[in-house]
Protein backbone atom coordinates (compact mmCIF):
# COMPACT_ATOMS: atom_id res chain seq x y z
CA MET A 1 4.46 1.56 119.25
CA LYS A 2 1.48 -0.39 117.97
CA LYS A 3 0.34 2.63 115.97
CA ASN A 4 3.71 2.86 114.29
CA ILE A 5 3.62 -0.81 113.34
CA VAL A 6 0.09 -0.47 111.91
CA SER A 7 1.04 2.58 109.88
CA ALA A 8 4.06 0.80 108.50
CA LEU A 9 1.95 -2.20 107.53
CA LEU A 10 -0.58 0.02 105.75
CA ALA A 11 2.16 1.83 103.84
CA PHE A 12 3.73 -1.48 102.78
CA THR A 13 0.32 -2.76 101.62
CA CYS A 14 -0.26 0.31 99.42
CA VAL A 15 3.17 0.04 97.87
CA PHE A 16 2.65 -3.66 97.15
CA SER A 17 -0.79 -3.02 95.66
CA MET A 18 0.54 -0.30 93.36
CA THR A 19 3.40 -2.52 92.20
CA ALA A 20 1.04 -5.40 91.54
CA CYS A 21 -1.25 -3.17 89.52
CA ASN A 22 1.62 -1.89 87.47
CA ASN A 23 2.91 -5.43 86.84
CA THR A 24 -0.49 -6.69 85.67
CA LYS A 25 -1.10 -3.78 83.24
CA PRO A 26 -0.65 -5.10 79.67
CA GLU A 27 2.32 -3.61 77.81
CA GLN A 28 1.61 -2.00 74.47
CA ASN A 29 3.42 -3.88 71.70
CA THR A 30 4.72 -0.95 69.67
CA SER A 31 6.47 -3.15 67.12
CA THR A 32 3.31 -5.16 66.37
CA SER A 33 1.24 -1.99 66.06
CA GLU A 34 3.73 -0.46 63.67
CA THR A 35 3.83 -3.68 61.60
CA LYS A 36 0.04 -3.76 61.39
CA SER A 37 0.01 -0.13 60.33
CA GLU A 38 2.63 -0.74 57.63
CA THR A 39 0.78 -3.84 56.42
CA SER A 40 -2.44 -1.82 56.20
CA VAL A 41 -0.75 0.90 54.11
CA GLU A 42 0.90 -1.66 51.82
CA SER A 43 -2.46 -3.34 51.38
CA GLN A 44 -4.05 -0.05 50.36
CA VAL A 45 -1.23 0.73 47.91
CA SER A 46 -1.42 -2.78 46.47
CA SER A 47 -5.16 -2.51 45.96
CA ALA A 48 -4.81 0.95 44.41
CA THR A 49 -2.08 -0.13 41.98
CA PRO A 50 -3.50 -1.94 38.91
CA GLU A 51 -2.05 -5.26 37.91
CA PRO A 52 0.34 -4.99 34.94
CA VAL A 53 -1.42 -5.86 31.68
CA GLU A 54 0.40 -7.79 29.02
CA PRO A 55 0.42 -5.82 25.72
CA GLU A 56 -1.82 -7.26 23.07
CA ASN A 57 -0.32 -8.52 19.88
CA ASN A 58 -1.53 -5.91 17.42
CA GLN A 59 0.54 -7.03 14.46
CA ASP A 60 -1.32 -6.55 11.21
CA THR A 61 -1.72 -9.94 9.65
CA THR A 62 -3.56 -8.64 6.59
CA VAL A 63 -2.03 -10.02 3.41
CA ILE A 64 -1.69 -7.36 0.76
CA SER A 65 -2.02 -8.75 -2.73
CA ASP A 66 0.04 -7.33 -5.57
CA GLU A 67 -2.57 -8.40 -8.12
CA LEU A 68 -4.78 -5.91 -9.91
CA SER A 69 -8.34 -5.63 -8.69
CA VAL A 70 -11.24 -5.79 -11.12
CA SER A 71 -11.66 -2.02 -10.77
CA ASP A 72 -7.99 -1.42 -11.58
CA ALA A 73 -8.21 -3.66 -14.65
CA ARG A 74 -11.37 -1.91 -15.82
CA ARG A 75 -9.62 1.46 -15.60
CA ILE A 76 -6.82 0.11 -17.81
CA VAL A 77 -9.37 -1.00 -20.40
CA ALA A 78 -11.19 2.35 -20.23
CA GLU A 79 -7.98 4.24 -21.08
CA THR A 80 -8.33 3.25 -24.74
CA ILE A 81 -12.04 2.48 -25.08
CA ASP A 82 -14.50 5.24 -25.95
CA THR A 83 -16.85 4.88 -23.00
CA ASP A 84 -19.30 7.31 -24.60
CA THR A 85 -19.90 4.73 -27.33
CA TYR A 86 -19.15 1.40 -25.65
CA LEU A 87 -20.00 -0.41 -22.43
CA ILE A 88 -17.34 -2.23 -20.40
CA LEU A 89 -19.02 -5.22 -18.76
CA ASP A 90 -17.53 -7.80 -16.40
CA GLY A 91 -16.84 -11.03 -18.23
CA LYS A 92 -15.76 -14.47 -17.06
CA THR A 93 -14.35 -14.48 -13.54
CA ASN A 94 -11.27 -16.38 -12.34
CA LEU A 95 -9.82 -16.86 -15.82
CA GLU A 96 -6.48 -18.66 -15.55
CA ILE A 97 -4.26 -19.67 -18.47
CA ASN A 98 -0.86 -21.29 -17.98
CA SER A 99 -0.86 -20.29 -14.30
CA ASN A 100 -1.52 -16.62 -15.22
CA LYS A 101 -4.68 -14.99 -13.91
CA TYR A 102 -6.77 -12.52 -15.92
CA HIS A 103 -9.75 -10.25 -15.50
CA THR A 104 -11.98 -10.28 -18.56
CA PHE A 105 -14.40 -7.69 -19.89
CA ILE A 106 -17.07 -7.71 -22.59
CA ILE A 107 -17.13 -4.60 -24.78
CA ALA A 108 -20.59 -3.84 -26.15
CA ASN A 109 -22.25 -1.08 -28.15
CA LYS A 110 -24.30 1.28 -26.02
CA SER A 111 -26.74 1.71 -28.86
CA ASP A 112 -27.89 -1.92 -29.11
CA ASN A 113 -25.98 -3.73 -26.32
CA LYS A 114 -24.36 -6.04 -28.86
CA ALA A 115 -20.91 -7.32 -27.94
CA VAL A 116 -18.03 -6.33 -30.21
CA GLY A 117 -15.37 -8.39 -28.43
CA GLN A 118 -13.69 -9.28 -25.15
CA ILE A 119 -10.54 -8.05 -23.45
CA ALA A 120 -8.42 -9.95 -20.92
CA VAL A 121 -6.15 -8.03 -18.52
CA ASP A 122 -3.21 -9.78 -16.88
CA CYS A 123 -3.69 -9.50 -13.10
CA LYS A 124 0.06 -9.09 -12.54
CA THR A 125 1.30 -6.90 -15.37
CA GLY A 126 -1.86 -5.07 -16.50
CA GLU A 127 -1.15 -6.09 -20.11
CA LYS A 128 -4.21 -6.31 -22.33
CA PHE A 129 -5.06 -9.19 -24.66
CA ASN A 130 -7.79 -10.05 -27.12
CA TYR A 131 -9.87 -12.76 -25.42
CA LYS A 132 -11.38 -15.17 -27.92
CA GLY A 133 -13.23 -17.23 -25.33
CA GLU A 134 -12.67 -20.86 -24.29
CA ASN A 135 -9.54 -19.89 -22.34
CA THR A 136 -7.81 -18.54 -25.44
CA ILE A 137 -6.04 -15.17 -25.60
CA GLU A 138 -4.02 -13.51 -28.35
CA ASP A 139 -2.20 -10.26 -29.00
CA TYR A 140 -4.28 -7.18 -28.26
CA SER A 141 -3.67 -5.89 -31.78
CA ASN A 142 -6.24 -8.50 -32.92
CA PHE A 143 -8.99 -6.85 -30.87
CA LYS A 144 -11.66 -5.39 -33.14
CA LEU A 145 -11.41 -1.86 -31.71
CA TYR A 146 -7.61 -1.81 -31.59
CA ASP A 147 -6.21 1.52 -32.80
CA PRO A 148 -2.40 1.74 -33.06
CA GLN A 149 -2.53 5.50 -32.66
CA VAL A 150 -4.03 4.97 -29.21
CA ASP A 151 -3.34 1.39 -28.16
CA MET A 152 0.18 0.63 -29.34
CA ASN A 153 2.61 0.05 -26.48
CA ALA A 154 5.43 2.14 -27.95
CA ASP A 155 8.86 2.07 -26.33
CA TRP A 156 10.03 5.67 -26.46
CA GLU A 157 13.45 5.03 -24.99
CA GLY A 158 16.81 4.05 -26.42
CA ILE A 159 19.26 4.79 -29.21
CA PHE A 160 18.25 4.44 -32.87
CA THR A 161 20.03 5.04 -36.16
CA ASP A 162 19.15 5.58 -39.81
CA GLY A 163 22.60 4.46 -40.92
CA THR A 164 24.21 7.89 -40.78
CA ARG A 165 22.56 9.73 -37.91
CA THR A 166 21.87 8.73 -34.31
CA LEU A 167 18.58 9.35 -32.52
CA GLU A 168 18.49 9.12 -28.71
CA LEU A 169 15.24 9.18 -26.74
CA LEU A 170 15.16 9.97 -23.02
CA PRO A 171 11.73 9.53 -21.33
CA MET A 172 10.62 12.40 -19.10
CA ASP A 173 7.37 10.72 -18.00
CA ASP A 174 4.69 8.45 -19.51
CA LYS A 175 3.53 11.17 -21.91
CA SER A 176 6.71 12.88 -23.07
CA PHE A 177 10.36 12.36 -23.94
CA GLU A 178 13.44 14.36 -24.81
CA TYR A 179 15.18 13.56 -28.08
CA MET A 180 18.65 14.28 -29.41
CA ILE A 181 19.91 13.76 -32.95
CA ASP A 182 23.62 13.40 -33.77
CA ASP A 183 24.82 13.73 -30.18
CA GLY A 184 22.69 16.74 -29.38
CA GLU A 185 23.27 18.83 -32.48
CA ASP A 186 19.51 18.87 -32.88
CA GLY A 187 16.76 17.96 -30.42
CA GLY A 188 13.79 18.95 -28.32
CA ILE A 189 10.87 17.60 -26.31
CA ALA A 190 7.97 15.62 -27.75
CA GLN A 191 4.59 14.72 -26.27
CA VAL A 192 3.20 11.21 -26.77
CA THR A 193 -0.24 10.10 -27.95
CA GLY A 194 -0.41 6.37 -28.58
CA ASN A 195 2.17 5.43 -31.23
CA THR A 196 2.84 9.04 -32.25
CA ALA A 197 4.67 11.93 -30.62
CA LYS A 198 4.99 15.56 -31.65
CA ASP A 199 7.61 18.15 -30.81
CA ILE A 200 6.02 20.74 -28.54
CA SER A 201 7.54 23.69 -30.42
CA ARG A 202 8.43 22.47 -33.93
CA ASP A 203 6.81 20.69 -36.84
CA ILE A 204 8.35 17.29 -36.12
CA THR A 205 6.35 14.07 -35.70
CA PHE A 206 7.59 10.68 -34.50
CA THR A 207 5.66 7.55 -35.47
CA TYR A 208 6.41 4.27 -33.73
CA GLY A 209 5.96 1.28 -36.06
CA GLU A 210 4.82 -2.27 -35.41
CA ASP A 211 8.42 -3.42 -36.03
CA GLY A 212 9.80 -1.05 -33.39
CA SER A 213 11.16 1.48 -35.88
CA ILE A 214 10.63 5.23 -35.54
CA THR A 215 9.71 7.33 -38.56
CA ILE A 216 10.35 11.07 -38.28
CA SER A 217 8.48 13.49 -40.54
CA GLY A 218 8.22 17.26 -40.86
CA GLU A 219 11.27 19.51 -40.44
CA ILE A 220 13.37 16.37 -39.97
CA THR A 221 12.80 13.14 -41.88
CA GLY A 222 14.13 9.62 -41.66
CA VAL A 223 13.46 6.07 -40.45
CA PHE A 224 15.43 5.02 -37.38
CA THR A 225 15.85 1.52 -35.99
CA ARG A 226 17.58 0.16 -32.88
């Protein structure tokens, strides 16, 4: 009897001890572990992903001037100056007359370096003028080396008449034009050199005058005005 009671007490003690041990064992917080794991991954992704960079303002703020440079103006002068005989030297800078700006150049003999005159070039239009000095300009035709056969600014476009016939000029480019006389009954193509132009296939010459008239000589003759 006593043995049975002792055995029962021992069995009860073991069961109690096992239960107590199980109750005191810390439970694993699965939710917390998963949260920590997710936080760790997010942290790694965040550190691996670069911060967005605001685009730089790369707008070009350079102001482009529509004025001729000194080099451009010099090239205009050189078109009608014999650079084998004359020097083109930079003249007075920042010349301004009546709110118009000009580049000026001194033209001198290569042989003795003596100046023969000065040319002013409009910075906007590229038009040439005779520069007399002291902020005074005048028509380019007054320049000492002016040659109408080379320098005249002829207007090879429009309709002209000699009183009985009509002459029509149609520019093809800066160096040539098509002409028609009497509504196309006669015509052709002429190439321009200064104030003169010659038909490319016939003996016909056009001469542009100071008054804007056109004199035709050769196979066809006549003086035509607008």
